[in-house]
């Protein structure tokens, strides 16, 4: 049996999550173009999401 595939998704506040590749994306979330196993997706998020603050908070403090 094949391992489930996931997408790395991001919302307008630039917060990341993973989402099952066989389901429609929830409102407000966008595909980042990265897909893989759960572990691969979580590892990718660890690499790219270096500032956990929502975009609106980052912009308010810059």
N, C-alpha and C. Protein backbone atom coordinates (compact mmCIF):
# COMPACT_ATOMS: atom_id res chain seq x y z
N UNK A 1 0.85 -1.19 0.00
CA UNK A 1 0.00 0.00 0.00
C UNK A 1 0.89 1.25 0.00
N UNK A 2 0.54 2.19 -0.84
CA UNK A 2 1.33 3.42 -0.96
C UNK A 2 1.16 4.30 0.27
N UNK A 3 2.23 4.98 0.61
CA UNK A 3 2.18 5.91 1.74
C UNK A 3 1.35 7.13 1.35
N UNK A 4 0.51 7.64 2.25
CA UNK A 4 -0.30 8.82 1.92
C UNK A 4 0.58 10.01 1.51
N UNK A 5 0.08 10.81 0.58
CA UNK A 5 0.79 12.00 0.10
C UNK A 5 0.15 13.23 0.71
N UNK A 6 0.99 14.19 1.01
CA UNK A 6 0.55 15.45 1.61
C UNK A 6 1.09 16.61 0.81
N UNK A 7 0.43 17.75 0.94
CA UNK A 7 0.89 19.01 0.36
C UNK A 7 1.30 19.93 1.49
N UNK A 8 2.30 20.77 1.23
CA UNK A 8 2.61 21.86 2.15
C UNK A 8 1.74 23.03 1.69
N UNK A 9 0.98 23.57 2.62
CA UNK A 9 0.07 24.68 2.31
C UNK A 9 0.41 25.88 3.18
N UNK A 10 0.02 27.06 2.71
CA UNK A 10 0.30 28.30 3.44
C UNK A 10 -0.92 29.20 3.33
N UNK A 11 -1.21 29.92 4.42
CA UNK A 11 -2.35 30.84 4.39
C UNK A 11 -1.85 32.27 4.13
N UNK A 12 -2.77 33.21 4.10
CA UNK A 12 -2.42 34.60 3.80
C UNK A 12 -1.56 35.25 4.87
N UNK A 13 -1.53 34.66 6.07
CA UNK A 13 -0.67 35.15 7.15
C UNK A 13 0.71 34.48 7.11
N UNK A 14 0.95 33.70 6.03
CA UNK A 14 2.20 33.00 5.80
C UNK A 14 2.51 31.97 6.89
N UNK A 15 1.45 31.33 7.39
CA UNK A 15 1.58 30.21 8.32
C UNK A 15 1.46 28.93 7.51
N UNK A 16 2.26 27.94 7.86
CA UNK A 16 2.33 26.70 7.09
C UNK A 16 1.62 25.56 7.80
N UNK A 17 1.20 24.59 6.98
CA UNK A 17 0.61 23.37 7.49
C UNK A 17 0.75 22.30 6.41
N UNK A 18 0.32 21.08 6.73
CA UNK A 18 0.25 20.04 5.71
C UNK A 18 -1.21 19.67 5.51
N UNK A 19 -1.51 19.18 4.31
CA UNK A 19 -2.88 18.83 3.97
C UNK A 19 -2.85 17.60 3.08
N UNK A 20 -3.78 16.71 3.29
CA UNK A 20 -3.86 15.50 2.49
C UNK A 20 -4.02 15.85 1.02
N UNK A 21 -3.17 15.25 0.17
CA UNK A 21 -3.16 15.59 -1.26
C UNK A 21 -4.45 15.19 -1.97
N UNK A 22 -5.22 14.28 -1.40
CA UNK A 22 -6.45 13.83 -2.06
C UNK A 22 -7.69 14.60 -1.62
N UNK A 23 -7.50 15.68 -0.88
CA UNK A 23 -8.64 16.48 -0.42
C UNK A 23 -8.54 17.89 -0.98
N UNK A 24 -9.68 18.55 -1.16
CA UNK A 24 -9.69 19.95 -1.57
C UNK A 24 -9.10 20.80 -0.46
N UNK A 25 -8.38 21.85 -0.84
CA UNK A 25 -7.80 22.75 0.16
C UNK A 25 -8.90 23.53 0.87
N UNK A 26 -8.72 23.76 2.16
CA UNK A 26 -9.70 24.58 2.87
C UNK A 26 -9.58 26.04 2.44
N UNK A 27 -10.65 26.78 2.63
CA UNK A 27 -10.65 28.20 2.27
C UNK A 27 -9.51 28.93 2.97
N UNK A 28 -8.82 29.79 2.22
CA UNK A 28 -7.76 30.60 2.79
C UNK A 28 -6.39 29.96 2.78
N UNK A 29 -6.28 28.73 2.30
CA UNK A 29 -4.99 28.03 2.23
C UNK A 29 -4.61 27.79 0.78
N UNK A 30 -3.30 27.88 0.50
CA UNK A 30 -2.80 27.78 -0.88
C UNK A 30 -1.67 26.75 -0.93
N UNK A 31 -1.63 26.00 -2.01
CA UNK A 31 -0.59 25.01 -2.24
C UNK A 31 0.74 25.73 -2.50
N UNK A 32 1.80 25.32 -1.81
CA UNK A 32 3.12 25.94 -2.01
C UNK A 32 3.91 25.27 -3.12
N UNK A 33 3.41 24.14 -3.62
CA UNK A 33 4.11 23.41 -4.67
C UNK A 33 4.98 22.28 -4.15
N UNK A 34 5.03 22.09 -2.83
CA UNK A 34 5.81 20.99 -2.26
C UNK A 34 4.86 19.89 -1.83
N UNK A 35 5.17 18.65 -2.23
CA UNK A 35 4.37 17.49 -1.85
C UNK A 35 5.30 16.36 -1.45
N UNK A 36 4.82 15.48 -0.59
CA UNK A 36 5.61 14.33 -0.18
C UNK A 36 4.92 13.57 0.93
N UNK A 37 5.70 12.76 1.62
CA UNK A 37 5.17 12.05 2.77
C UNK A 37 4.95 13.06 3.89
N UNK A 38 4.27 12.64 4.92
CA UNK A 38 4.04 13.52 6.08
C UNK A 38 5.37 14.03 6.62
N UNK A 39 6.32 13.12 6.79
CA UNK A 39 7.62 13.49 7.34
C UNK A 39 8.38 14.44 6.43
N UNK A 40 8.34 14.20 5.10
CA UNK A 40 9.02 15.08 4.15
C UNK A 40 8.42 16.49 4.20
N UNK A 41 7.10 16.55 4.27
CA UNK A 41 6.43 17.86 4.31
C UNK A 41 6.76 18.61 5.60
N UNK A 42 6.74 17.91 6.73
CA UNK A 42 7.06 18.56 8.00
C UNK A 42 8.52 19.03 8.01
N UNK A 43 9.42 18.25 7.43
CA UNK A 43 10.82 18.65 7.34
C UNK A 43 10.97 19.90 6.47
N UNK A 44 10.24 19.94 5.36
CA UNK A 44 10.27 21.12 4.48
C UNK A 44 9.78 22.36 5.22
N UNK A 45 8.71 22.22 5.98
CA UNK A 45 8.18 23.35 6.75
C UNK A 45 9.22 23.83 7.76
N UNK A 46 9.90 22.90 8.42
CA UNK A 46 10.96 23.28 9.37
C UNK A 46 12.03 24.12 8.70
N UNK A 47 12.30 23.85 7.43
CA UNK A 47 13.32 24.58 6.68
C UNK A 47 12.85 25.97 6.24
N UNK A 48 11.63 26.07 5.75
CA UNK A 48 11.17 27.32 5.16
C UNK A 48 10.45 28.27 6.11
N UNK A 49 9.89 27.76 7.20
CA UNK A 49 9.12 28.61 8.11
C UNK A 49 10.02 28.99 9.27
N UNK A 50 10.82 30.01 9.05
CA UNK A 50 11.84 30.39 10.03
C UNK A 50 11.33 31.41 11.05
N UNK A 51 10.27 32.11 10.73
CA UNK A 51 9.69 33.09 11.66
C UNK A 51 8.23 32.73 11.86
N UNK A 52 7.92 32.20 13.04
CA UNK A 52 6.58 31.66 13.29
C UNK A 52 5.50 32.73 13.47
N UNK A 53 5.90 33.98 13.59
CA UNK A 53 4.90 35.03 13.78
C UNK A 53 4.07 35.21 12.51
N UNK A 54 2.75 35.43 12.65
CA UNK A 54 1.93 35.72 11.48
C UNK A 54 2.46 36.95 10.75
N UNK A 55 2.25 37.01 9.45
CA UNK A 55 2.74 38.12 8.62
C UNK A 55 2.29 39.48 9.17
N UNK A 56 1.04 39.60 9.60
CA UNK A 56 0.55 40.88 10.10
C UNK A 56 1.31 41.34 11.33
N UNK A 57 1.72 40.41 12.19
CA UNK A 57 2.50 40.76 13.37
C UNK A 57 3.91 41.18 12.97
N UNK A 58 4.52 40.43 12.04
CA UNK A 58 5.87 40.79 11.57
C UNK A 58 5.88 42.18 10.97
N UNK A 59 4.88 42.49 10.14
CA UNK A 59 4.83 43.78 9.49
C UNK A 59 4.57 44.91 10.48
N UNK A 60 3.80 44.65 11.51
CA UNK A 60 3.51 45.67 12.52
C UNK A 60 4.75 46.02 13.36
N UNK A 61 5.69 45.08 13.44
CA UNK A 61 6.89 45.29 14.26
C UNK A 61 8.14 45.56 13.44
N UNK A 62 7.98 45.84 12.15
CA UNK A 62 9.18 46.11 11.35
C UNK A 62 9.37 47.57 11.07
